[in-house]
Amino acid sequence: MGFEKVLDDIKRESKLEGKLEGKLEGKLEGKLEGKLEGKLEGRQEIAKRMIDLDMDVTLIAAATGFTPEEVEQLRDRLP
């Protein structure tokens, strides 16, 4: 009986650890995704300002890391 209780305790602890690991992994994944989204939005804002200043597409692409095609797509979406 004592051995079964120890096994049950170990199983319960393992489940708890698994849940905690899953939550932590989810939080870290969410933070990373948020940071990446923020960086992309920042690059887009810079590109939009450069477009508003009527700068050359290749210069905008070089400054933001976007391809010239992506810069053109941004330009087309601007009012």
Protein backbone atom coordinates (compact mmCIF):
# COMPACT_ATOMS: atom_id res chain seq x y z
CA MET A 1 0.00 0.00 0.00
CA GLY A 2 2.80 2.46 0.80
CA PHE A 3 4.45 1.80 -2.54
CA GLU A 4 1.21 2.54 -4.45
CA LYS A 5 0.82 5.82 -2.58
CA VAL A 6 4.36 6.83 -3.51
CA LEU A 7 3.64 5.98 -7.17
CA ASP A 8 0.40 7.99 -7.06
CA ASP A 9 2.25 10.96 -5.54
CA ILE A 10 4.91 10.77 -8.24
CA LYS A 11 2.24 10.63 -10.96
CA ARG A 12 0.44 13.62 -9.45
CA GLU A 13 3.70 15.59 -9.23
CA SER A 14 4.56 14.70 -12.83
CA LYS A 15 1.17 15.91 -14.04
CA LEU A 16 1.58 19.14 -12.09
CA GLU A 17 5.06 19.68 -13.49
CA GLY A 18 3.75 19.04 -17.00
CA LYS A 19 0.97 21.58 -16.55
CA LEU A 20 3.38 24.17 -15.19
CA GLU A 21 5.82 23.56 -18.03
CA GLY A 22 2.99 23.92 -20.54
CA LYS A 23 1.84 27.20 -19.01
CA LEU A 24 5.37 28.58 -18.93
CA GLU A 25 6.00 27.52 -22.51
CA GLY A 26 2.74 29.17 -23.59
CA LYS A 27 3.62 32.42 -21.83
CA LEU A 28 7.09 32.51 -23.36
CA GLU A 29 5.67 31.76 -26.79
CA GLY A 30 3.13 34.54 -26.40
CA LYS A 31 5.76 37.05 -25.31
CA LEU A 32 8.02 36.16 -28.22
CA GLU A 33 5.14 36.42 -30.67
CA GLY A 34 4.20 39.82 -29.24
CA LYS A 35 7.74 41.12 -29.52
CA LEU A 36 8.01 39.97 -33.12
CA GLU A 37 4.67 41.57 -33.98
CA GLY A 38 5.79 44.81 -32.35
CA LYS A 39 9.03 44.86 -34.30
CA LEU A 40 7.17 44.24 -37.56
CA GLU A 41 4.72 47.04 -36.79
CA GLY A 42 7.61 49.37 -36.01
CA ARG A 43 9.29 48.58 -39.31
CA GLN A 44 6.00 49.14 -41.11
CA GLU A 45 5.56 52.56 -39.46
CA ILE A 46 9.06 53.59 -40.49
CA ALA A 47 8.43 52.41 -44.04
CA LYS A 48 5.14 54.35 -44.15
CA ARG A 49 6.87 57.54 -42.99
CA MET A 50 9.56 57.06 -45.62
CA ILE A 51 6.87 56.52 -48.26
CA ASP A 52 5.16 59.71 -47.11
CA LEU A 53 8.49 61.49 -47.59
CA ASP A 54 8.49 60.14 -51.15
CA MET A 55 11.72 58.23 -50.65
CA ASP A 56 12.98 55.66 -53.15
CA VAL A 57 11.60 52.12 -52.78
CA THR A 58 15.06 50.51 -52.76
CA LEU A 59 16.20 52.90 -50.03
CA ILE A 60 13.11 52.09 -47.94
CA ALA A 61 13.68 48.38 -48.48
CA ALA A 62 17.32 48.67 -47.42
CA ALA A 63 16.43 50.70 -44.32
CA THR A 64 13.57 48.48 -43.13
CA GLY A 65 14.56 45.01 -44.27
CA PHE A 66 11.45 44.67 -46.41
CA THR A 67 11.69 43.62 -50.02
CA PRO A 68 10.91 46.27 -52.64
CA GLU A 69 7.72 44.32 -53.39
CA GLU A 70 6.63 44.51 -49.75
CA VAL A 71 7.31 48.27 -49.75
CA GLU A 72 5.15 48.63 -52.86
CA GLN A 73 2.37 46.64 -51.18
CA LEU A 74 2.54 48.98 -48.18
CA ARG A 75 2.45 51.96 -50.52
CA ASP A 76 -0.64 50.57 -52.27
CA ARG A 77 -2.46 50.17 -48.93
CA LEU A 78 -1.85 53.76 -47.85
CA PRO A 79 -4.72 56.22 -48.23
